[in-house]
């Protein structure tokens, strides 16, 4: 839930062509918090891809 909220904030920042710092300030959260959430999201995606690859190899 939190990661989705950060992703939505990031998307909003890009769409509005404003900086992520502005979004963080408006949301009263730190850039470090956004970076940690993004890193968790990337790591989760990588794990998911690895699991999918392993399942594909196993079922082949």
PDB file of N, CA and C in Angstrom:
ATOM      1  N   UNK A   1       0.830  -1.196   0.000  1.00  0.00           N
ATOM      2  CA  UNK A   1       0.000   0.000   0.000  1.00  0.00           C
ATOM      3  C   UNK A   1       0.872   1.256   0.000  1.00  0.00           C
ATOM      4  N   UNK A   2       1.880   1.283   0.858  1.00  0.00           N
ATOM      5  CA  UNK A   2       2.753   2.452   0.937  1.00  0.00           C
ATOM      6  C   UNK A   2       3.546   2.635  -0.352  1.00  0.00           C
ATOM      7  N   UNK A   3       4.051   1.526  -0.898  1.00  0.00           N
ATOM      8  CA  UNK A   3       4.834   1.608  -2.129  1.00  0.00           C
ATOM      9  C   UNK A   3       3.972   2.138  -3.267  1.00  0.00           C
ATOM     10  N   UNK A   4       2.720   1.686  -3.341  1.00  0.00           N
ATOM     11  CA  UNK A   4       1.811   2.167  -4.369  1.00  0.00           C
ATOM     12  C   UNK A   4       1.590   3.676  -4.227  1.00  0.00           C
ATOM     13  N   UNK A   5       1.492   4.140  -2.991  1.00  0.00           N
ATOM     14  CA  UNK A   5       1.302   5.570  -2.753  1.00  0.00           C
ATOM     15  C   UNK A   5       2.519   6.365  -3.216  1.00  0.00           C
ATOM     16  N   UNK A   6       3.714   5.860  -2.926  1.00  0.00           N
ATOM     17  CA  UNK A   6       4.938   6.531  -3.358  1.00  0.00           C
ATOM     18  C   UNK A   6       5.027   6.523  -4.880  1.00  0.00           C
ATOM     19  N   UNK A   7       4.676   5.396  -5.490  1.00  0.00           N
ATOM     20  CA  UNK A   7       4.690   5.305  -6.951  1.00  0.00           C
ATOM     21  C   UNK A   7       3.727   6.316  -7.549  1.00  0.00           C
ATOM     22  N   UNK A   8       2.554   6.434  -6.954  1.00  0.00           N
ATOM     23  CA  UNK A   8       1.574   7.401  -7.443  1.00  0.00           C
ATOM     24  C   UNK A   8       2.103   8.819  -7.304  1.00  0.00           C
ATOM     25  N   UNK A   9       2.774   9.105  -6.191  1.00  0.00           N
ATOM     26  CA  UNK A   9       3.370  10.431  -6.011  1.00  0.00           C
ATOM     27  C   UNK A   9       4.433  10.699  -7.063  1.00  0.00           C
ATOM     28  N   UNK A  10       5.261   9.702  -7.334  1.00  0.00           N
ATOM     29  CA  UNK A  10       6.307   9.843  -8.341  1.00  0.00           C
ATOM     30  C   UNK A  10       5.705  10.070  -9.721  1.00  0.00           C
ATOM     31  N   UNK A  11       4.676   9.301 -10.057  1.00  0.00           N
ATOM     32  CA  UNK A  11       3.997   9.469 -11.347  1.00  0.00           C
ATOM     33  C   UNK A  11       3.388  10.858 -11.460  1.00  0.00           C
ATOM     34  N   UNK A  12       2.789  11.306 -10.368  1.00  0.00           N
ATOM     35  CA  UNK A  12       2.190  12.642 -10.370  1.00  0.00           C
ATOM     36  C   UNK A  12       3.251  13.712 -10.593  1.00  0.00           C
ATOM     37  N   UNK A  13       4.409  13.530  -9.978  1.00  0.00           N
ATOM     38  CA  UNK A  13       5.493  14.495 -10.135  1.00  0.00           C
ATOM     39  C   UNK A  13       5.963  14.552 -11.579  1.00  0.00           C
ATOM     40  N   UNK A  14       6.097  13.395 -12.201  1.00  0.00           N
ATOM     41  CA  UNK A  14       6.550  13.352 -13.594  1.00  0.00           C
ATOM     42  C   UNK A  14       5.499  13.955 -14.515  1.00  0.00           C
ATOM     43  N   UNK A  15       4.247  13.621 -14.283  1.00  0.00           N
ATOM     44  CA  UNK A  15       3.163  14.134 -15.123  1.00  0.00           C
ATOM     45  C   UNK A  15       3.072  15.649 -15.027  1.00  0.00           C
ATOM     46  N   UNK A  16       3.209  16.170 -13.833  1.00  0.00           N
ATOM     47  CA  UNK A  16       3.106  17.607 -13.622  1.00  0.00           C
ATOM     48  C   UNK A  16       4.415  18.330 -13.887  1.00  0.00           C
ATOM     49  N   UNK A  17       5.438  17.573 -14.256  1.00  0.00           N
ATOM     50  CA  UNK A  17       6.765  18.130 -14.523  1.00  0.00           C
ATOM     51  C   UNK A  17       7.295  18.939 -13.344  1.00  0.00           C
ATOM     52  N   UNK A  18       7.118  18.393 -12.144  1.00  0.00           N
ATOM     53  CA  UNK A  18       7.678  19.002 -10.952  1.00  0.00           C
ATOM     54  C   UNK A  18       8.633  18.009 -10.313  1.00  0.00           C
ATOM     55  N   UNK A  19       9.480  18.495  -9.443  1.00  0.00           N
ATOM     56  CA  UNK A  19      10.496  17.625  -8.866  1.00  0.00           C
ATOM     57  C   UNK A  19       9.933  16.726  -7.777  1.00  0.00           C
ATOM     58  N   UNK A  20      10.580  15.596  -7.592  1.00  0.00           N
ATOM     59  CA  UNK A  20      10.185  14.663  -6.537  1.00  0.00           C
ATOM     60  C   UNK A  20      10.394  15.312  -5.168  1.00  0.00           C
ATOM     61  N   UNK A  21      11.335  16.263  -5.084  1.00  0.00           N
ATOM     62  CA  UNK A  21      11.537  16.982  -3.832  1.00  0.00           C
ATOM     63  C   UNK A  21      10.287  17.779  -3.467  1.00  0.00           C
ATOM     64  N   UNK A  22       9.662  18.387  -4.468  1.00  0.00           N
ATOM     65  CA  UNK A  22       8.429  19.151  -4.227  1.00  0.00           C
ATOM     66  C   UNK A  22       7.321  18.235  -3.745  1.00  0.00           C
ATOM     67  N   UNK A  23       7.210  17.069  -4.370  1.00  0.00           N
ATOM     68  CA  UNK A  23       6.189  16.108  -3.961  1.00  0.00           C
ATOM     69  C   UNK A  23       6.458  15.631  -2.537  1.00  0.00           C
ATOM     70  N   UNK A  24       7.715  15.337  -2.236  1.00  0.00           N
ATOM     71  CA  UNK A  24       8.062  14.870  -0.894  1.00  0.00           C
ATOM     72  C   UNK A  24       7.722  15.931   0.142  1.00  0.00           C
ATOM     73  N   UNK A  25       8.032  17.172  -0.181  1.00  0.00           N
ATOM     74  CA  UNK A  25       7.734  18.268   0.755  1.00  0.00           C
ATOM     75  C   UNK A  25       6.217  18.383   0.965  1.00  0.00           C
ATOM     76  N   UNK A  26       5.472  18.301  -0.121  1.00  0.00           N
ATOM     77  CA  UNK A  26       4.016  18.409  -0.022  1.00  0.00           C
ATOM     78  C   UNK A  26       3.428  17.255   0.785  1.00  0.00           C
ATOM     79  N   UNK A  27       4.015  16.073   0.640  1.00  0.00           N
ATOM     80  CA  UNK A  27       3.519  14.893   1.360  1.00  0.00           C
ATOM     81  C   UNK A  27       4.127  14.768   2.754  1.00  0.00           C
ATOM     82  N   UNK A  28       5.031  15.706   3.078  1.00  0.00           N
ATOM     83  CA  UNK A  28       5.696  15.711   4.375  1.00  0.00           C
ATOM     84  C   UNK A  28       6.456  14.411   4.634  1.00  0.00           C
ATOM     85  N   UNK A  29       7.119  13.919   3.604  1.00  0.00           N
ATOM     86  CA  UNK A  29       7.981  12.749   3.744  1.00  0.00           C
ATOM     87  C   UNK A  29       9.336  13.077   3.150  1.00  0.00           C
ATOM     88  N   UNK A  30      10.332  12.313   3.515  1.00  0.00           N
ATOM     89  CA  UNK A  30      11.686  12.607   3.084  1.00  0.00           C
ATOM     90  C   UNK A  30      12.037  11.916   1.772  1.00  0.00           C
ATOM     91  N   UNK A  31      13.023  12.476   1.096  1.00  0.00           N
ATOM     92  CA  UNK A  31      13.561  11.858  -0.117  1.00  0.00           C
ATOM     93  C   UNK A  31      14.102  10.469   0.209  1.00  0.00           C
ATOM     94  N   UNK A  32      14.703  10.320   1.387  1.00  0.00           N
ATOM     95  CA  UNK A  32      15.223   9.018   1.790  1.00  0.00           C
ATOM     96  C   UNK A  32      14.103   7.987   1.869  1.00  0.00           C
ATOM     97  N   UNK A  33      12.949   8.403   2.361  1.00  0.00           N
ATOM     98  CA  UNK A  33      11.794   7.496   2.440  1.00  0.00           C
ATOM     99  C   UNK A  33      11.375   7.061   1.051  1.00  0.00           C
ATOM    100  N   UNK A  34      11.335   8.004   0.126  1.00  0.00           N
ATOM    101  CA  UNK A  34      10.971   7.675  -1.256  1.00  0.00           C
ATOM    102  C   UNK A  34      12.005   6.735  -1.864  1.00  0.00           C
ATOM    103  N   UNK A  35      13.275   7.018  -1.627  1.00  0.00           N
ATOM    104  CA  UNK A  35      14.339   6.169  -2.165  1.00  0.00           C
ATOM    105  C   UNK A  35      14.242   4.752  -1.605  1.00  0.00           C
ATOM    106  N   UNK A  36      13.986   4.631  -0.306  1.00  0.00           N
ATOM    107  CA  UNK A  36      13.849   3.301   0.299  1.00  0.00           C
ATOM    108  C   UNK A  36      12.651   2.568  -0.294  1.00  0.00           C
ATOM    109  N   UNK A  37      11.544   3.260  -0.444  1.00  0.00           N
ATOM    110  CA  UNK A  37      10.348   2.625  -1.006  1.00  0.00           C
ATOM    111  C   UNK A  37      10.598   2.192  -2.439  1.00  0.00           C
ATOM    112  N   UNK A  38      11.279   3.025  -3.216  1.00  0.00           N
ATOM    113  CA  UNK A  38      11.580   2.676  -4.600  1.00  0.00           C
ATOM    114  C   UNK A  38      12.512   1.476  -4.654  1.00  0.00           C
ATOM    115  N   UNK A  39      13.490   1.444  -3.774  1.00  0.00           N
ATOM    116  CA  UNK A  39      14.434   0.329  -3.738  1.00  0.00           C
ATOM    117  C   UNK A  39      13.722  -0.968  -3.374  1.00  0.00           C
ATOM    118  N   UNK A  40      12.831  -0.904  -2.416  1.00  0.00           N
ATOM    119  CA  UNK A  40      12.060  -2.096  -2.040  1.00  0.00           C
ATOM    120  C   UNK A  40      11.244  -2.580  -3.236  1.00  0.00           C
ATOM    121  N   UNK A  41      10.641  -1.635  -3.936  1.00  0.00           N
ATOM    122  CA  UNK A  41       9.815  -1.979  -5.097  1.00  0.00           C
ATOM    123  C   UNK A  41      10.650  -2.646  -6.190  1.00  0.00           C
ATOM    124  N   UNK A  42      11.834  -2.100  -6.448  1.00  0.00           N
ATOM    125  CA  UNK A  42      12.722  -2.665  -7.473  1.00  0.00           C
ATOM    126  C   UNK A  42      13.166  -4.071  -7.056  1.00  0.00           C
ATOM    127  N   UNK A  43      13.552  -4.231  -5.798  1.00  0.00           N
ATOM    128  CA  UNK A  43      13.985  -5.543  -5.322  1.00  0.00           C
ATOM    129  C   UNK A  43      12.848  -6.553  -5.410  1.00  0.00           C
ATOM    130  N   UNK A  44      11.643  -6.148  -5.057  1.00  0.00           N
ATOM    131  CA  UNK A  44      10.483  -7.043  -5.129  1.00  0.00           C
ATOM    132  C   UNK A  44      10.222  -7.448  -6.573  1.00  0.00           C
ATOM    133  N   UNK A  45      10.330  -6.495  -7.484  1.00  0.00           N
ATOM    134  CA  UNK A  45      10.139  -6.798  -8.908  1.00  0.00           C
ATOM    135  C   UNK A  45      11.191  -7.783  -9.399  1.00  0.00           C
ATOM    136  N   UNK A  46      12.430  -7.581  -8.988  1.00  0.00           N
ATOM    137  CA  UNK A  46      13.512  -8.473  -9.406  1.00  0.00           C
ATOM    138  C   UNK A  46      13.282  -9.893  -8.889  1.00  0.00           C
ATOM    139  N   UNK A  47      12.850 -10.007  -7.651  1.00  0.00           N
ATOM    140  CA  UNK A  47      12.564 -11.332  -7.080  1.00  0.00           C
ATOM    141  C   UNK A  47      11.439 -11.995  -7.858  1.00  0.00           C
ATOM    142  N   UNK A  48      10.412 -11.220  -8.169  1.00  0.00           N
ATOM    143  CA  UNK A  48       9.273 -11.754  -8.920  1.00  0.00           C
ATOM    144  C   UNK A  48       9.714 -12.267 -10.287  1.00  0.00           C
ATOM    145  N   UNK A  49      10.562 -11.515 -10.954  1.00  0.00           N
ATOM    146  CA  UNK A  49      11.067 -11.923 -12.274  1.00  0.00           C
ATOM    147  C   UNK A  49      11.889 -13.206 -12.143  1.00  0.00           C
ATOM    148  N   UNK A  50      12.725 -13.275 -11.115  1.00  0.00           N
ATOM    149  CA  UNK A  50      13.541 -14.474 -10.909  1.00  0.00           C
ATOM    150  C   UNK A  50      12.665 -15.698 -10.647  1.00  0.00           C
ATOM    151  N   UNK A  51      11.607 -15.525  -9.871  1.00  0.00           N
ATOM    152  CA  UNK A  51      10.693 -16.641  -9.587  1.00  0.00           C
ATOM    153  C   UNK A  51       9.994 -17.073 -10.876  1.00  0.00           C
ATOM    154  N   UNK A  52       9.542 -16.101 -11.666  1.00  0.00           N
ATOM    155  CA  UNK A  52       8.890 -16.426 -12.933  1.00  0.00           C
ATOM    156  C   UNK A  52       9.837 -17.185 -13.857  1.00  0.00           C
ATOM    157  N   UNK A  53      11.086 -16.740 -13.933  1.00  0.00           N
ATOM    158  CA  UNK A  53      12.082 -17.418 -14.771  1.00  0.00           C
ATOM    159  C   UNK A  53      12.311 -18.849 -14.292  1.00  0.00           C
ATOM    160  N   UNK A  54      12.422 -19.013 -12.988  1.00  0.00           N
ATOM    161  CA  UNK A  54      12.646 -20.348 -12.426  1.00  0.00           C
ATOM    162  C   UNK A  54      11.458 -21.264 -12.721  1.00  0.00           C
ATOM    163  N   UNK A  55      10.253 -20.733 -12.584  1.00  0.00           N
ATOM    164  CA  UNK A  55       9.060 -21.533 -12.870  1.00  0.00           C
ATOM    165  C   UNK A  55       8.996 -21.914 -14.344  1.00  0.00           C
ATOM    166  N   UNK A  56       9.373 -20.972 -15.204  1.00  0.00           N
ATOM    167  CA  UNK A  56       9.378 -21.253 -16.640  1.00  0.00           C
ATOM    168  C   UNK A  56      10.367 -22.376 -16.963  1.00  0.00           C
ATOM    169  N   UNK A  57      11.552 -22.313 -16.374  1.00  0.00           N
ATOM    170  CA  UNK A  57      12.571 -23.341 -16.612  1.00  0.00           C
ATOM    171  C   UNK A  57      12.113 -24.691 -16.075  1.00  0.00           C
ATOM    172  N   UNK A  58      11.456 -24.649 -14.909  1.00  0.00           N
ATOM    173  CA  UNK A  58      10.996 -25.880 -14.278  1.00  0.00           C
ATOM    174  C   UNK A  58       9.888 -26.549 -15.095  1.00  0.00           C
ATOM    175  N   UNK A  59       9.012 -25.737 -15.683  1.00  0.00           N
ATOM    176  CA  UNK A  59       7.880 -26.296 -16.425  1.00  0.00           C
ATOM    177  C   UNK A  59       8.231 -26.634 -17.866  1.00  0.00           C
ATOM    178  N   UNK A  60       9.419 -26.242 -18.307  1.00  0.00           N
ATOM    179  CA  UNK A  60       9.816 -26.501 -19.698  1.00  0.00           C
ATOM    180  C   UNK A  60      10.231 -27.951 -19.897  1.00  0.00           C
TER     181      UNK A  60
END
